[in-house]
Amino acid sequence: MDFGVTPHDGLPLPPRVTICEVGPRDGLQNESAVLPVAVKAEFVERLVDAGHTVVETTSFVHPKWVPQLADAEDLFRAITLAPGVRYPVLVPNSRGLERALDLGVRDIAVFGSVTETFSRRNLGRTVGESLEMFAPVVARAREAGIGVRGYLSMCFGDPWEGEVPVPRVLDVATRMRALGCTEISLGDTIGVATPGRVAAVLDALIASGIPVDSLAVHFHDTYGQALANTLTAVRKGVTLVDASAGGLGGCPFAGSATGNLATEDLLWQLHGLGIETGVDLRKMVDTSTWLAGHLGRPSPSRTVTALAGTS
């Protein structure tokens, strides 16, 4: 079934977009249920089988903070690494990096904030102090030839500070890139972004000299704007988009955050625009339906709901 049409409105669209599938880490960390390692490993392998080439696998954050991912080492040992697929893991500090390196991890991510309030609440540090903490982690990883994704949360709005000024996003993104991050993912952590704000932030970053192919976007769908925001970013030249199978996830440290953009909803949009992703929508629907059974609740993805009963 294909209802896609390629638009002829003169606006540019890239021929291909890479989806960074964040379900196994960002999705599951916000679930109350703690899944067995075998289920998580099958989840990762199903995502790869569906065509994903970037699957954020787990987090090496202390289990006290994210108990849902306390089995990070066991999970990474349990999965079969496929050639040509990146399996980034989140590391909070040098100790987390050492744990990852011992397992042969080849891609990592660090998680920072644009706003001071969320940085203090999430990391217990100011923005400047968090960047100082990341510096040796990024340097060591780059020396080892490892790719480093820098997550920036609260790029569009903060529940305590309100609307975030574009120059602040530019400042922290520039500093994060100066550390050596190979990718910067711009997070709409509480889902308040709108297309105009997305365009303004991206225009500022691109004008500053940050290559657009090093930028990713990470939208939450709190106000139903995630797909509109994604399309705006794609038309600005962004070809890296974060999404979560079945719309899993949120942010355990920001109570107003709801689920991530659902991978299936994103696929329906991108494929309808004639943009290739390499990901099989039918396999994703089947995977999210399977996972919903293990979590004991239905997927919030509209596309999963629409297609789950079709063949």
C-alpha atoms as a PDB file:
ATOM      1  CA  MET A   1       0.000   0.000   0.000  1.00  0.00           C
ATOM      2  CA  ASP A   2       1.542   3.310  -1.074  1.00  0.00           C
ATOM      3  CA  PHE A   3      -0.239   6.642  -0.994  1.00  0.00           C
ATOM      4  CA  GLY A   4       2.940   8.635  -1.519  1.00  0.00           C
ATOM      5  CA  VAL A   5       3.406  11.442  -3.987  1.00  0.00           C
ATOM      6  CA  THR A   6       6.529  13.419  -4.632  1.00  0.00           C
ATOM      7  CA  PRO A   7       5.779  17.120  -4.112  1.00  0.00           C
ATOM      8  CA  HIS A   8       6.327  19.613  -6.907  1.00  0.00           C
ATOM      9  CA  ASP A   9       6.239  22.780  -4.815  1.00  0.00           C
ATOM     10  CA  GLY A  10       9.813  23.735  -5.627  1.00  0.00           C
ATOM     11  CA  LEU A  11      11.056  23.119  -2.079  1.00  0.00           C
ATOM     12  CA  PRO A  12      14.141  20.901  -1.839  1.00  0.00           C
ATOM     13  CA  LEU A  13      13.973  17.407  -0.420  1.00  0.00           C
ATOM     14  CA  PRO A  14      16.932  15.067   0.063  1.00  0.00           C
ATOM     15  CA  PRO A  15      16.749  11.723  -1.740  1.00  0.00           C
ATOM     16  CA  ARG A  16      17.543   9.821   1.459  1.00  0.00           C
ATOM     17  CA  VAL A  17      17.220  10.275   5.215  1.00  0.00           C
ATOM     18  CA  THR A  18      18.964   8.156   7.836  1.00  0.00           C
ATOM     19  CA  ILE A  19      16.895   7.345  10.896  1.00  0.00           C
ATOM     20  CA  CYS A  20      18.672   7.030  14.207  1.00  0.00           C
ATOM     21  CA  GLU A  21      16.485   4.487  15.965  1.00  0.00           C
ATOM     22  CA  VAL A  22      16.511   5.369  19.667  1.00  0.00           C
ATOM     23  CA  GLY A  23      13.888   2.929  20.945  1.00  0.00           C
ATOM     24  CA  PRO A  24      16.218   0.521  22.771  1.00  0.00           C
ATOM     25  CA  ARG A  25      17.804   3.331  24.800  1.00  0.00           C
ATOM     26  CA  ASP A  26      15.723   6.512  24.879  1.00  0.00           C
ATOM     27  CA  GLY A  27      12.501   4.575  24.449  1.00  0.00           C
ATOM     28  CA  LEU A  28      12.942   1.863  27.048  1.00  0.00           C
ATOM     29  CA  GLN A  29      14.566   4.080  29.686  1.00  0.00           C
ATOM     30  CA  ASN A  30      11.232   5.777  30.274  1.00  0.00           C
ATOM     31  CA  GLU A  31       9.181   2.587  30.566  1.00  0.00           C
ATOM     32  CA  SER A  32       8.130   1.325  33.991  1.00  0.00           C
ATOM     33  CA  ALA A  33       8.598  -2.272  32.858  1.00  0.00           C
ATOM     34  CA  VAL A  34      12.129  -3.675  32.889  1.00  0.00           C
ATOM     35  CA  LEU A  35      12.477  -6.085  29.984  1.00  0.00           C
ATOM     36  CA  PRO A  36      14.715  -9.176  30.062  1.00  0.00           C
ATOM     37  CA  VAL A  37      18.016  -8.990  28.206  1.00  0.00           C
ATOM     38  CA  ALA A  38      16.822 -11.583  25.682  1.00  0.00           C
ATOM     39  CA  VAL A  39      13.823  -9.424  24.736  1.00  0.00           C
ATOM     40  CA  LYS A  40      15.973  -6.297  24.403  1.00  0.00           C
ATOM     41  CA  ALA A  41      18.477  -8.170  22.244  1.00  0.00           C
ATOM     42  CA  GLU A  42      15.694  -9.438  19.990  1.00  0.00           C
ATOM     43  CA  PHE A  43      14.341  -5.886  19.784  1.00  0.00           C
ATOM     44  CA  VAL A  44      17.695  -4.580  18.562  1.00  0.00           C
ATOM     45  CA  GLU A  45      18.074  -7.390  16.061  1.00  0.00           C
ATOM     46  CA  ARG A  46      14.534  -6.888  14.739  1.00  0.00           C
ATOM     47  CA  LEU A  47      15.328  -3.213  14.161  1.00  0.00           C
ATOM     48  CA  VAL A  48      18.441  -4.114  12.200  1.00  0.00           C
ATOM     49  CA  ASP A  49      16.508  -6.718  10.221  1.00  0.00           C
ATOM     50  CA  ALA A  50      13.975  -3.996   9.343  1.00  0.00           C
ATOM     51  CA  GLY A  51      16.795  -2.038   7.710  1.00  0.00           C
ATOM     52  CA  HIS A  52      18.071   0.346  10.366  1.00  0.00           C
ATOM     53  CA  THR A  53      21.758   1.209  10.109  1.00  0.00           C
ATOM     54  CA  VAL A  54      21.920   3.266  13.322  1.00  0.00           C
ATOM     55  CA  VAL A  55      20.416   1.729  16.476  1.00  0.00           C
ATOM     56  CA  GLU A  56      21.061   3.425  19.799  1.00  0.00           C
ATOM     57  CA  THR A  57      21.438   0.303  21.863  1.00  0.00           C
ATOM     58  CA  THR A  58      21.750   1.144  25.550  1.00  0.00           C
ATOM     59  CA  SER A  59      23.173   3.478  28.179  1.00  0.00           C
ATOM     60  CA  PHE A  60      26.155   3.136  30.501  1.00  0.00           C
ATOM     61  CA  VAL A  61      24.650   5.540  33.025  1.00  0.00           C
ATOM     62  CA  HIS A  62      24.748   4.337  36.645  1.00  0.00           C
ATOM     63  CA  PRO A  63      21.859   1.892  37.297  1.00  0.00           C
ATOM     64  CA  LYS A  64      20.715   4.105  40.183  1.00  0.00           C
ATOM     65  CA  TRP A  65      19.590   6.721  37.664  1.00  0.00           C
ATOM     66  CA  VAL A  66      18.295   4.488  34.883  1.00  0.00           C
ATOM     67  CA  PRO A  67      17.497   1.049  36.331  1.00  0.00           C
ATOM     68  CA  GLN A  68      15.734  -0.003  33.120  1.00  0.00           C
ATOM     69  CA  LEU A  69      19.152  -0.150  31.408  1.00  0.00           C
ATOM     70  CA  ALA A  70      21.201  -1.619  34.248  1.00  0.00           C
ATOM     71  CA  ASP A  71      22.028  -4.635  32.063  1.00  0.00           C
ATOM     72  CA  ALA A  72      23.988  -2.626  29.461  1.00  0.00           C
ATOM     73  CA  GLU A  73      27.025  -4.923  29.380  1.00  0.00           C
ATOM     74  CA  ASP A  74      24.937  -8.088  29.207  1.00  0.00           C
ATOM     75  CA  LEU A  75      22.824  -6.645  26.390  1.00  0.00           C
ATOM     76  CA  PHE A  76      25.777  -5.556  24.293  1.00  0.00           C
ATOM     77  CA  ARG A  77      27.318  -9.026  24.643  1.00  0.00           C
ATOM     78  CA  ALA A  78      24.009 -10.657  23.696  1.00  0.00           C
ATOM     79  CA  ILE A  79      23.484  -8.910  20.355  1.00  0.00           C
ATOM     80  CA  THR A  80      25.094  -9.968  17.114  1.00  0.00           C
ATOM     81  CA  LEU A  81      26.723  -6.909  15.568  1.00  0.00           C
ATOM     82  CA  ALA A  82      25.792  -6.664  11.884  1.00  0.00           C
ATOM     83  CA  PRO A  83      28.282  -5.255   9.363  1.00  0.00           C
ATOM     84  CA  GLY A  84      27.568  -1.695   8.279  1.00  0.00           C
ATOM     85  CA  VAL A  85      25.378  -0.954  11.309  1.00  0.00           C
ATOM     86  CA  ARG A  86      26.235   1.542  14.040  1.00  0.00           C
ATOM     87  CA  TYR A  87      25.279   0.670  17.606  1.00  0.00           C
ATOM     88  CA  PRO A  88      25.891   3.863  19.622  1.00  0.00           C
ATOM     89  CA  VAL A  89      25.617   3.780  23.408  1.00  0.00           C
ATOM     90  CA  LEU A  90      25.154   6.683  25.800  1.00  0.00           C
ATOM     91  CA  VAL A  91      28.049   7.313  28.195  1.00  0.00           C
ATOM     92  CA  PRO A  92      27.863   9.922  30.964  1.00  0.00           C
ATOM     93  CA  ASN A  93      31.541  10.227  31.872  1.00  0.00           C
ATOM     94  CA  SER A  94      35.004   8.669  31.586  1.00  0.00           C
ATOM     95  CA  ARG A  95      34.022   5.648  33.642  1.00  0.00           C
ATOM     96  CA  GLY A  96      31.113   4.952  31.318  1.00  0.00           C
ATOM     97  CA  LEU A  97      33.438   5.272  28.342  1.00  0.00           C
ATOM     98  CA  GLU A  98      35.834   2.713  29.809  1.00  0.00           C
ATOM     99  CA  ARG A  99      32.964   0.259  30.252  1.00  0.00           C
ATOM    100  CA  ALA A 100      31.972   0.806  26.630  1.00  0.00           C
ATOM    101  CA  LEU A 101      35.512   0.479  25.280  1.00  0.00           C
ATOM    102  CA  ASP A 102      36.002  -2.799  27.135  1.00  0.00           C
ATOM    103  CA  LEU A 103      33.061  -4.193  25.143  1.00  0.00           C
ATOM    104  CA  GLY A 104      34.357  -2.996  21.779  1.00  0.00           C
ATOM    105  CA  VAL A 105      31.778  -0.240  21.321  1.00  0.00           C
ATOM    106  CA  ARG A 106      32.522   1.827  18.202  1.00  0.00           C
ATOM    107  CA  ASP A 107      30.035   4.701  18.600  1.00  0.00           C
ATOM    108  CA  ILE A 108      29.107   6.642  21.712  1.00  0.00           C
ATOM    109  CA  ALA A 109      26.893   9.558  22.686  1.00  0.00           C
ATOM    110  CA  VAL A 110      27.093  12.167  25.415  1.00  0.00           C
ATOM    111  CA  PHE A 111      24.038  13.970  26.720  1.00  0.00           C
ATOM    112  CA  GLY A 112      24.137  17.674  27.527  1.00  0.00           C
ATOM    113  CA  SER A 113      21.710  20.526  27.969  1.00  0.00           C
ATOM    114  CA  VAL A 114      21.328  23.971  26.471  1.00  0.00           C
ATOM    115  CA  THR A 115      19.678  25.349  29.623  1.00  0.00           C
ATOM    116  CA  GLU A 116      21.257  25.756  33.038  1.00  0.00           C
ATOM    117  CA  THR A 117      18.246  24.555  35.032  1.00  0.00           C
ATOM    118  CA  PHE A 118      17.899  21.254  33.238  1.00  0.00           C
ATOM    119  CA  SER A 119      21.662  20.734  33.256  1.00  0.00           C
ATOM    120  CA  ARG A 120      21.704  21.084  37.036  1.00  0.00           C
ATOM    121  CA  ARG A 121      18.654  18.852  37.482  1.00  0.00           C
ATOM    122  CA  ASN A 122      19.780  16.156  35.064  1.00  0.00           C
ATOM    123  CA  LEU A 123      23.567  16.198  35.451  1.00  0.00           C
ATOM    124  CA  GLY A 124      24.068  18.026  38.727  1.00  0.00           C
ATOM    125  CA  ARG A 125      26.329  20.485  36.909  1.00  0.00           C
ATOM    126  CA  THR A 126      26.195  23.795  35.095  1.00  0.00           C
ATOM    127  CA  VAL A 127      26.343  23.737  31.303  1.00  0.00           C
ATOM    128  CA  GLY A 128      29.997  24.759  31.459  1.00  0.00           C
ATOM    129  CA  GLU A 129      30.827  22.072  34.016  1.00  0.00           C
ATOM    130  CA  SER A 130      29.084  19.419  31.940  1.00  0.00           C
ATOM    131  CA  LEU A 131      31.139  20.366  28.887  1.00  0.00           C
ATOM    132  CA  GLU A 132      34.289  20.095  30.981  1.00  0.00           C
ATOM    133  CA  MET A 133      33.183  16.596  32.012  1.00  0.00           C
ATOM    134  CA  PHE A 134      32.567  15.619  28.381  1.00  0.00           C
ATOM    135  CA  ALA A 135      35.892  16.969  27.090  1.00  0.00           C
ATOM    136  CA  PRO A 136      38.144  14.031  28.105  1.00  0.00           C
ATOM    137  CA  VAL A 137      35.438  11.539  27.123  1.00  0.00           C
ATOM    138  CA  VAL A 138      35.120  12.938  23.612  1.00  0.00           C
ATOM    139  CA  ALA A 139      38.887  13.327  23.235  1.00  0.00           C
ATOM    140  CA  ARG A 140      39.577   9.744  24.299  1.00  0.00           C
ATOM    141  CA  ALA A 141      36.840   8.398  22.044  1.00  0.00           C
ATOM    142  CA  ARG A 142      38.074  10.334  19.025  1.00  0.00           C
ATOM    143  CA  GLU A 143      41.634   9.141  19.648  1.00  0.00           C
ATOM    144  CA  ALA A 144      40.257   5.606  19.498  1.00  0.00           C
ATOM    145  CA  GLY A 145      38.538   6.369  16.187  1.00  0.00           C
ATOM    146  CA  ILE A 146      35.081   6.279  17.742  1.00  0.00           C
ATOM    147  CA  GLY A 147      32.242   8.465  16.517  1.00  0.00           C
ATOM    148  CA  VAL A 148      30.700  10.758  19.132  1.00  0.00           C
ATOM    149  CA  ARG A 149      27.131  12.018  19.012  1.00  0.00           C
ATOM    150  CA  GLY A 150      26.436  15.044  21.189  1.00  0.00           C
ATOM    151  CA  TYR A 151      22.856  15.249  22.380  1.00  0.00           C
ATOM    152  CA  LEU A 152      21.628  18.721  23.252  1.00  0.00           C
ATOM    153  CA  SER A 153      18.396  18.765  25.231  1.00  0.00           C
ATOM    154  CA  MET A 154      15.977  21.677  25.687  1.00  0.00           C
ATOM    155  CA  CYS A 155      16.910  23.327  22.388  1.00  0.00           C
ATOM    156  CA  PHE A 156      13.491  24.910  21.902  1.00  0.00           C
ATOM    157  CA  GLY A 157      11.903  25.203  25.324  1.00  0.00           C
ATOM    158  CA  ASP A 158      12.507  24.365  28.964  1.00  0.00           C
ATOM    159  CA  PRO A 159       9.772  23.668  31.563  1.00  0.00           C
ATOM    160  CA  TRP A 160      11.524  25.925  34.086  1.00  0.00           C
ATOM    161  CA  GLU A 161      13.105  28.589  31.868  1.00  0.00           C
ATOM    162  CA  GLY A 162      10.527  28.848  29.086  1.00  0.00           C
ATOM    163  CA  GLU A 163      11.444  29.613  25.480  1.00  0.00           C
ATOM    164  CA  VAL A 164      15.144  29.113  24.778  1.00  0.00           C
ATOM    165  CA  PRO A 165      16.895  31.908  22.842  1.00  0.00           C
ATOM    166  CA  VAL A 166      18.444  30.827  19.552  1.00  0.00           C
ATOM    167  CA  PRO A 167      21.867  32.339  20.450  1.00  0.00           C
ATOM    168  CA  ARG A 168      22.027  30.068  23.503  1.00  0.00           C
ATOM    169  CA  VAL A 169      21.470  26.983  21.345  1.00  0.00           C
ATOM    170  CA  LEU A 170      24.127  28.191  18.923  1.00  0.00           C
ATOM    171  CA  ASP A 171      26.597  28.830  21.745  1.00  0.00           C
ATOM    172  CA  VAL A 172      26.304  25.402  23.340  1.00  0.00           C
ATOM    173  CA  ALA A 173      26.165  23.544  20.011  1.00  0.00           C
ATOM    174  CA  THR A 174      29.328  25.332  18.874  1.00  0.00           C
ATOM    175  CA  ARG A 175      31.099  24.434  22.107  1.00  0.00           C
ATOM    176  CA  MET A 176      29.956  20.833  21.883  1.00  0.00           C
ATOM    177  CA  ARG A 177      31.234  20.570  18.332  1.00  0.00           C
ATOM    178  CA  ALA A 178      34.548  22.169  19.366  1.00  0.00           C
ATOM    179  CA  LEU A 179      35.035  19.296  21.806  1.00  0.00           C
ATOM    180  CA  GLY A 180      35.150  16.960  18.816  1.00  0.00           C
ATOM    181  CA  CYS A 181      31.590  15.650  18.546  1.00  0.00           C
ATOM    182  CA  THR A 182      31.015  14.280  15.064  1.00  0.00           C
ATOM    183  CA  GLU A 183      27.241  14.702  15.281  1.00  0.00           C
ATOM    184  CA  ILE A 184      24.977  17.112  17.146  1.00  0.00           C
ATOM    185  CA  SER A 185      21.407  16.021  17.854  1.00  0.00           C
ATOM    186  CA  LEU A 186      19.069  18.925  18.613  1.00  0.00           C
ATOM    187  CA  GLY A 187      16.487  17.819  21.134  1.00  0.00           C
ATOM    188  CA  ASP A 188      12.983  19.183  21.587  1.00  0.00           C
ATOM    189  CA  THR A 189      12.852  17.475  24.957  1.00  0.00           C
ATOM    190  CA  ILE A 190       9.369  18.610  25.999  1.00  0.00           C
ATOM    191  CA  GLY A 191       7.892  18.792  22.511  1.00  0.00           C
ATOM    192  CA  VAL A 192       7.161  22.525  22.358  1.00  0.00           C
ATOM    193  CA  ALA A 193       8.931  23.318  19.068  1.00  0.00           C
ATOM    194  CA  THR A 194       7.057  24.580  16.035  1.00  0.00           C
ATOM    195  CA  PRO A 195       8.315  24.758  12.437  1.00  0.00           C
ATOM    196  CA  GLY A 196       9.251  28.437  12.666  1.00  0.00           C
ATOM    197  CA  ARG A 197      11.433  27.865  15.724  1.00  0.00           C
ATOM    198  CA  VAL A 198      13.042  24.836  14.100  1.00  0.00           C
ATOM    199  CA  ALA A 199      13.878  26.847  10.999  1.00  0.00           C
ATOM    200  CA  ALA A 200      15.353  29.678  13.083  1.00  0.00           C
ATOM    201  CA  VAL A 201      17.623  27.374  15.071  1.00  0.00           C
ATOM    202  CA  LEU A 202      18.825  25.473  12.016  1.00  0.00           C
ATOM    203  CA  ASP A 203      19.412  28.663  10.025  1.00  0.00           C
ATOM    204  CA  ALA A 204      21.584  30.022  12.848  1.00  0.00           C
ATOM    205  CA  LEU A 205      23.637  26.843  13.203  1.00  0.00           C
ATOM    206  CA  ILE A 206      24.176  26.409   9.476  1.00  0.00           C
ATOM    207  CA  ALA A 207      25.070  30.096   9.032  1.00  0.00           C
ATOM    208  CA  SER A 208      27.688  29.709  11.776  1.00  0.00           C
ATOM    209  CA  GLY A 209      29.521  27.105   9.713  1.00  0.00           C
ATOM    210  CA  ILE A 210      28.285  23.912  11.350  1.00  0.00           C
ATOM    211  CA  PRO A 211      27.834  21.431   8.465  1.00  0.00           C
ATOM    212  CA  VAL A 212      24.197  20.504   8.042  1.00  0.00           C
ATOM    213  CA  ASP A 213      25.155  16.872   7.481  1.00  0.00           C
ATOM    214  CA  SER A 214      26.484  16.764  11.064  1.00  0.00           C
ATOM    215  CA  LEU A 215      23.148  17.886  12.519  1.00  0.00           C
ATOM    216  CA  ALA A 216      20.341  15.601  13.644  1.00  0.00           C
ATOM    217  CA  VAL A 217      16.907  16.437  15.036  1.00  0.00           C
ATOM    218  CA  HIS A 218      15.134  14.737  17.924  1.00  0.00           C
ATOM    219  CA  PHE A 219      11.488  15.700  18.353  1.00  0.00           C
ATOM    220  CA  HIS A 220       8.906  14.740  20.946  1.00  0.00           C
ATOM    221  CA  ASP A 221       5.252  14.827  19.976  1.00  0.00           C
ATOM    222  CA  THR A 222       3.726  16.517  23.044  1.00  0.00           C
ATOM    223  CA  TYR A 223       1.759  19.035  20.963  1.00  0.00           C
ATOM    224  CA  GLY A 224       1.489  16.939  17.809  1.00  0.00           C
ATOM    225  CA  GLN A 225       4.190  18.932  16.014  1.00  0.00           C
ATOM    226  CA  ALA A 226       6.930  16.315  15.606  1.00  0.00           C
ATOM    227  CA  LEU A 227       6.225  15.435  11.970  1.00  0.00           C
ATOM    228  CA  ALA A 228       5.789  19.065  10.913  1.00  0.00           C
ATOM    229  CA  ASN A 229       9.025  19.957  12.674  1.00  0.00           C
ATOM    230  CA  THR A 230      10.820  17.052  11.024  1.00  0.00           C
ATOM    231  CA  LEU A 231       9.678  18.087   7.566  1.00  0.00           C
ATOM    232  CA  THR A 232      10.935  21.611   8.238  1.00  0.00           C
ATOM    233  CA  ALA A 233      14.334  20.242   9.257  1.00  0.00           C
ATOM    234  CA  VAL A 234      14.546  17.934   6.253  1.00  0.00           C
ATOM    235  CA  ARG A 235      13.783  20.853   3.930  1.00  0.00           C
ATOM    236  CA  LYS A 236      16.658  22.712   5.581  1.00  0.00           C
ATOM    237  CA  GLY A 237      18.962  19.873   4.542  1.00  0.00           C
ATOM    238  CA  VAL A 238      18.986  17.730   7.686  1.00  0.00           C
ATOM    239  CA  THR A 239      19.283  14.048   6.772  1.00  0.00           C
ATOM    240  CA  LEU A 240      19.664  12.536  10.260  1.00  0.00           C
ATOM    241  CA  VAL A 241      16.397  12.135  12.183  1.00  0.00           C
ATOM    242  CA  ASP A 242      15.940  10.465  15.569  1.00  0.00           C
ATOM    243  CA  ALA A 243      12.826   8.368  16.086  1.00  0.00           C
ATOM    244  CA  SER A 244      11.647   5.616  18.383  1.00  0.00           C
ATOM    245  CA  ALA A 245       9.880   2.404  17.422  1.00  0.00           C
ATOM    246  CA  GLY A 246       6.203   2.698  18.245  1.00  0.00           C
ATOM    247  CA  GLY A 247       6.688   6.165  19.748  1.00  0.00           C
ATOM    248  CA  LEU A 248       8.291   4.812  22.913  1.00  0.00           C
ATOM    249  CA  GLY A 249       9.971   7.112  25.359  1.00  0.00           C
ATOM    250  CA  GLY A 250      10.018  10.562  26.815  1.00  0.00           C
ATOM    251  CA  CYS A 251      12.413  11.983  29.367  1.00  0.00           C
ATOM    252  CA  PRO A 252      12.445  10.630  32.928  1.00  0.00           C
ATOM    253  CA  PHE A 253      14.005  13.885  34.158  1.00  0.00           C
ATOM    254  CA  ALA A 254      11.434  16.242  32.595  1.00  0.00           C
ATOM    255  CA  GLY A 255       7.928  15.404  33.727  1.00  0.00           C
ATOM    256  CA  SER A 256       6.141  17.250  30.917  1.00  0.00           C
ATOM    257  CA  ALA A 257       7.889  15.276  28.168  1.00  0.00           C
ATOM    258  CA  THR A 258       5.815  12.718  26.299  1.00  0.00           C
ATOM    259  CA  GLY A 259       6.796  10.180  23.691  1.00  0.00           C
ATOM    260  CA  ASN A 260       9.354  10.428  20.950  1.00  0.00           C
ATOM    261  CA  LEU A 261       8.387  10.746  17.317  1.00  0.00           C
ATOM    262  CA  ALA A 262       7.279   7.263  16.265  1.00  0.00           C
ATOM    263  CA  THR A 263       9.517   5.645  13.675  1.00  0.00           C
ATOM    264  CA  GLU A 264       6.513   4.273  11.805  1.00  0.00           C
ATOM    265  CA  ASP A 265       4.830   7.682  11.561  1.00  0.00           C
ATOM    266  CA  LEU A 266       8.091   9.139  10.281  1.00  0.00           C
ATOM    267  CA  LEU A 267       8.425   6.356   7.699  1.00  0.00           C
ATOM    268  CA  TRP A 268       4.886   6.956   6.432  1.00  0.00           C
ATOM    269  CA  GLN A 269       5.703  10.622   5.899  1.00  0.00           C
ATOM    270  CA  LEU A 270       9.162  10.220   4.362  1.00  0.00           C
ATOM    271  CA  HIS A 271       8.196   7.369   2.045  1.00  0.00           C
ATOM    272  CA  GLY A 272       5.134   9.350   0.978  1.00  0.00           C
ATOM    273  CA  LEU A 273       7.460  12.178  -0.034  1.00  0.00           C
ATOM    274  CA  GLY A 274       9.572   9.836  -2.119  1.00  0.00           C
ATOM    275  CA  ILE A 275      12.479   9.931   0.369  1.00  0.00           C
ATOM    276  CA  GLU A 276      14.364   6.673   0.841  1.00  0.00           C
ATOM    277  CA  THR A 277      15.217   5.390   4.318  1.00  0.00           C
ATOM    278  CA  GLY A 278      16.139   1.758   3.739  1.00  0.00           C
ATOM    279  CA  VAL A 279      13.731   0.776   6.536  1.00  0.00           C
ATOM    280  CA  ASP A 280      10.811  -1.598   5.989  1.00  0.00           C
ATOM    281  CA  LEU A 281       7.613  -0.103   7.417  1.00  0.00           C
ATOM    282  CA  ARG A 282       5.805  -3.444   7.658  1.00  0.00           C
ATOM    283  CA  LYS A 283       8.619  -4.977   9.690  1.00  0.00           C
ATOM    284  CA  MET A 284       8.621  -1.948  11.984  1.00  0.00           C
ATOM    285  CA  VAL A 285       4.887  -2.245  12.589  1.00  0.00           C
ATOM    286  CA  ASP A 286       5.308  -5.931  13.402  1.00  0.00           C
ATOM    287  CA  THR A 287       8.212  -5.149  15.742  1.00  0.00           C
ATOM    288  CA  SER A 288       6.356  -2.434  17.623  1.00  0.00           C
ATOM    289  CA  THR A 289       3.276  -4.637  17.941  1.00  0.00           C
ATOM    290  CA  TRP A 290       5.459  -7.447  19.292  1.00  0.00           C
ATOM    291  CA  LEU A 291       7.165  -5.098  21.756  1.00  0.00           C
ATOM    292  CA  ALA A 292       3.845  -3.656  22.923  1.00  0.00           C
ATOM    293  CA  GLY A 293       2.907  -7.168  23.989  1.00  0.00           C
ATOM    294  CA  HIS A 294       5.980  -7.362  26.202  1.00  0.00           C
ATOM    295  CA  LEU A 295       5.334  -3.914  27.660  1.00  0.00           C
ATOM    296  CA  GLY A 296       1.686  -4.619  28.317  1.00  0.00           C
ATOM    297  CA  ARG A 297       0.330  -1.561  26.557  1.00  0.00           C
ATOM    298  CA  PRO A 298      -0.510  -0.580  22.970  1.00  0.00           C
ATOM    299  CA  SER A 299       1.796   1.508  20.828  1.00  0.00           C
ATOM    300  CA  PRO A 300       0.874   5.214  20.696  1.00  0.00           C
ATOM    301  CA  SER A 301       1.930   5.368  17.035  1.00  0.00           C
ATOM    302  CA  ARG A 302      -0.996   6.186  14.765  1.00  0.00           C
ATOM    303  CA  THR A 303       0.627   4.310  11.896  1.00  0.00           C
ATOM    304  CA  VAL A 304       1.126   1.191  14.001  1.00  0.00           C
ATOM    305  CA  THR A 305      -2.506   1.384  15.075  1.00  0.00           C
ATOM    306  CA  ALA A 306      -3.673   1.793  11.471  1.00  0.00           C
ATOM    307  CA  LEU A 307      -1.544  -0.975  10.001  1.00  0.00           C
ATOM    308  CA  ALA A 308      -1.306  -3.520  12.823  1.00  0.00           C
ATOM    309  CA  GLY A 309      -4.402  -5.346  11.669  1.00  0.00           C
ATOM    310  CA  THR A 310      -3.546  -5.332   7.971  1.00  0.00           C
ATOM    311  CA  SER A 311      -1.495  -7.840   6.070  1.00  0.00           C
END
